[in-house]
Amino acid sequence: MKTASVYDVQHHFSRVLAWVSAGETVVISRHRVPVARLVPEKGKGAAATMPDFMARLKKNYRGRPLPDSQTMLDELREDRY
């Protein structure tokens, strides 16, 4: 679990969001007092981590040739892995 101040979140939101997308929980604090918690989304549309994506890819295409990169991107966007 990571901690970020309100200032950090305001000025480095992309970085904080990248942490959450990677599976980290981020506690937001104001004057060192926790006020909020950002947690990764677990439902449809959640950002897939690379190890998770690779595990699903290996499971779905075991022994078969992999599709072209555009097909894989389309399937990933539709959360079919």
C-alpha atoms as a PDB file:
ATOM      1  CA  MET A   1       0.000   0.000   0.000  1.00  0.00           C
ATOM      2  CA  LYS A   2       1.327   3.426  -0.974  1.00  0.00           C
ATOM      3  CA  THR A   3       0.583   6.810   0.572  1.00  0.00           C
ATOM      4  CA  ALA A   4       0.307  10.077  -1.347  1.00  0.00           C
ATOM      5  CA  SER A   5      -0.459  13.576  -0.143  1.00  0.00           C
ATOM      6  CA  VAL A   6      -3.224  15.659  -1.669  1.00  0.00           C
ATOM      7  CA  TYR A   7      -0.495  17.795  -3.263  1.00  0.00           C
ATOM      8  CA  ASP A   8       1.102  14.708  -4.868  1.00  0.00           C
ATOM      9  CA  VAL A   9      -2.238  13.559  -6.244  1.00  0.00           C
ATOM     10  CA  GLN A  10      -3.029  17.006  -7.646  1.00  0.00           C
ATOM     11  CA  HIS A  11       0.338  17.435  -9.346  1.00  0.00           C
ATOM     12  CA  HIS A  12       1.195  13.831 -10.244  1.00  0.00           C
ATOM     13  CA  PHE A  13      -2.209  12.251 -10.852  1.00  0.00           C
ATOM     14  CA  SER A  14      -0.984  10.169 -13.802  1.00  0.00           C
ATOM     15  CA  ARG A  15       1.694   8.562 -11.645  1.00  0.00           C
ATOM     16  CA  VAL A  16      -0.773   7.830  -8.822  1.00  0.00           C
ATOM     17  CA  LEU A  17      -3.238   6.397 -11.323  1.00  0.00           C
ATOM     18  CA  ALA A  18      -0.483   4.195 -12.780  1.00  0.00           C
ATOM     19  CA  TRP A  19       0.148   2.773  -9.292  1.00  0.00           C
ATOM     20  CA  VAL A  20      -3.547   1.977  -8.894  1.00  0.00           C
ATOM     21  CA  SER A  21      -3.716   0.471 -12.384  1.00  0.00           C
ATOM     22  CA  ALA A  22      -0.793  -1.782 -11.435  1.00  0.00           C
ATOM     23  CA  GLY A  23      -2.788  -3.130  -8.488  1.00  0.00           C
ATOM     24  CA  GLU A  24      -1.581  -0.863  -5.661  1.00  0.00           C
ATOM     25  CA  THR A  25      -3.926   0.661  -3.114  1.00  0.00           C
ATOM     26  CA  VAL A  26      -3.096   4.330  -2.545  1.00  0.00           C
ATOM     27  CA  VAL A  27      -4.054   6.141   0.650  1.00  0.00           C
ATOM     28  CA  ILE A  28      -4.445   9.900   0.146  1.00  0.00           C
ATOM     29  CA  SER A  29      -3.570  12.032   3.139  1.00  0.00           C
ATOM     30  CA  ARG A  30      -4.009  15.675   4.056  1.00  0.00           C
ATOM     31  CA  HIS A  31      -1.531  16.957   6.650  1.00  0.00           C
ATOM     32  CA  ARG A  32      -0.498  13.322   7.279  1.00  0.00           C
ATOM     33  CA  VAL A  33      -4.070  12.301   8.139  1.00  0.00           C
ATOM     34  CA  PRO A  34      -5.582   9.658   5.809  1.00  0.00           C
ATOM     35  CA  VAL A  35      -8.686  11.027   4.087  1.00  0.00           C
ATOM     36  CA  ALA A  36      -9.300   8.712   1.119  1.00  0.00           C
ATOM     37  CA  ARG A  37      -8.264   5.436  -0.467  1.00  0.00           C
ATOM     38  CA  LEU A  38      -7.883   4.638  -4.180  1.00  0.00           C
ATOM     39  CA  VAL A  39      -8.249   0.946  -4.914  1.00  0.00           C
ATOM     40  CA  PRO A  40      -7.910  -0.894  -8.228  1.00  0.00           C
ATOM     41  CA  GLU A  41     -11.126  -1.736 -10.034  1.00  0.00           C
ATOM     42  CA  LYS A  42     -11.714  -5.492 -10.090  1.00  0.00           C
ATOM     43  CA  GLY A  43     -14.610  -5.687 -12.541  1.00  0.00           C
ATOM     44  CA  LYS A  44     -14.859  -5.433 -16.306  1.00  0.00           C
ATOM     45  CA  GLY A  45     -12.650  -2.742 -17.747  1.00  0.00           C
ATOM     46  CA  ALA A  46      -9.993  -3.040 -15.072  1.00  0.00           C
ATOM     47  CA  ALA A  47      -6.481  -2.556 -16.332  1.00  0.00           C
ATOM     48  CA  ALA A  48      -4.809  -5.917 -16.762  1.00  0.00           C
ATOM     49  CA  THR A  49      -1.375  -6.423 -15.318  1.00  0.00           C
ATOM     50  CA  MET A  50       1.176  -7.959 -17.634  1.00  0.00           C
ATOM     51  CA  PRO A  51       1.616 -11.229 -15.645  1.00  0.00           C
ATOM     52  CA  ASP A  52      -2.176 -11.652 -15.496  1.00  0.00           C
ATOM     53  CA  PHE A  53      -2.499 -10.936 -19.203  1.00  0.00           C
ATOM     54  CA  MET A  54       0.275 -13.388 -20.107  1.00  0.00           C
ATOM     55  CA  ALA A  55      -1.257 -16.140 -17.949  1.00  0.00           C
ATOM     56  CA  ARG A  56      -4.651 -15.726 -19.624  1.00  0.00           C
ATOM     57  CA  LEU A  57      -3.008 -15.593 -23.053  1.00  0.00           C
ATOM     58  CA  LYS A  58      -1.130 -18.859 -22.454  1.00  0.00           C
ATOM     59  CA  LYS A  59      -4.294 -20.521 -21.149  1.00  0.00           C
ATOM     60  CA  ASN A  60      -6.458 -19.443 -24.103  1.00  0.00           C
ATOM     61  CA  TYR A  61      -3.952 -20.239 -26.863  1.00  0.00           C
ATOM     62  CA  ARG A  62      -2.297 -23.357 -25.470  1.00  0.00           C
ATOM     63  CA  GLY A  63      -0.845 -25.292 -28.394  1.00  0.00           C
ATOM     64  CA  ARG A  64      -2.339 -23.004 -31.054  1.00  0.00           C
ATOM     65  CA  PRO A  65      -0.662 -20.210 -33.008  1.00  0.00           C
ATOM     66  CA  LEU A  66      -1.161 -16.751 -31.545  1.00  0.00           C
ATOM     67  CA  PRO A  67      -3.374 -14.313 -33.461  1.00  0.00           C
ATOM     68  CA  ASP A  68      -1.952 -11.199 -35.095  1.00  0.00           C
ATOM     69  CA  SER A  69      -1.289  -8.201 -32.855  1.00  0.00           C
ATOM     70  CA  GLN A  70      -4.393  -6.246 -33.935  1.00  0.00           C
ATOM     71  CA  THR A  71      -6.685  -9.146 -33.041  1.00  0.00           C
ATOM     72  CA  MET A  72      -4.969  -9.461 -29.665  1.00  0.00           C
ATOM     73  CA  LEU A  73      -5.414  -5.723 -29.007  1.00  0.00           C
ATOM     74  CA  ASP A  74      -9.091  -5.911 -29.937  1.00  0.00           C
ATOM     75  CA  GLU A  75      -9.624  -8.881 -27.614  1.00  0.00           C
ATOM     76  CA  LEU A  76      -7.778  -7.160 -24.795  1.00  0.00           C
ATOM     77  CA  ARG A  77      -9.895  -4.024 -25.202  1.00  0.00           C
ATOM     78  CA  GLU A  78     -13.030  -6.162 -25.023  1.00  0.00           C
ATOM     79  CA  ASP A  79     -11.640  -7.882 -21.904  1.00  0.00           C
ATOM     80  CA  ARG A  80     -11.890 -11.313 -23.547  1.00  0.00           C
ATOM     81  CA  TYR A  81      -8.710 -12.609 -21.908  1.00  0.00           C
END
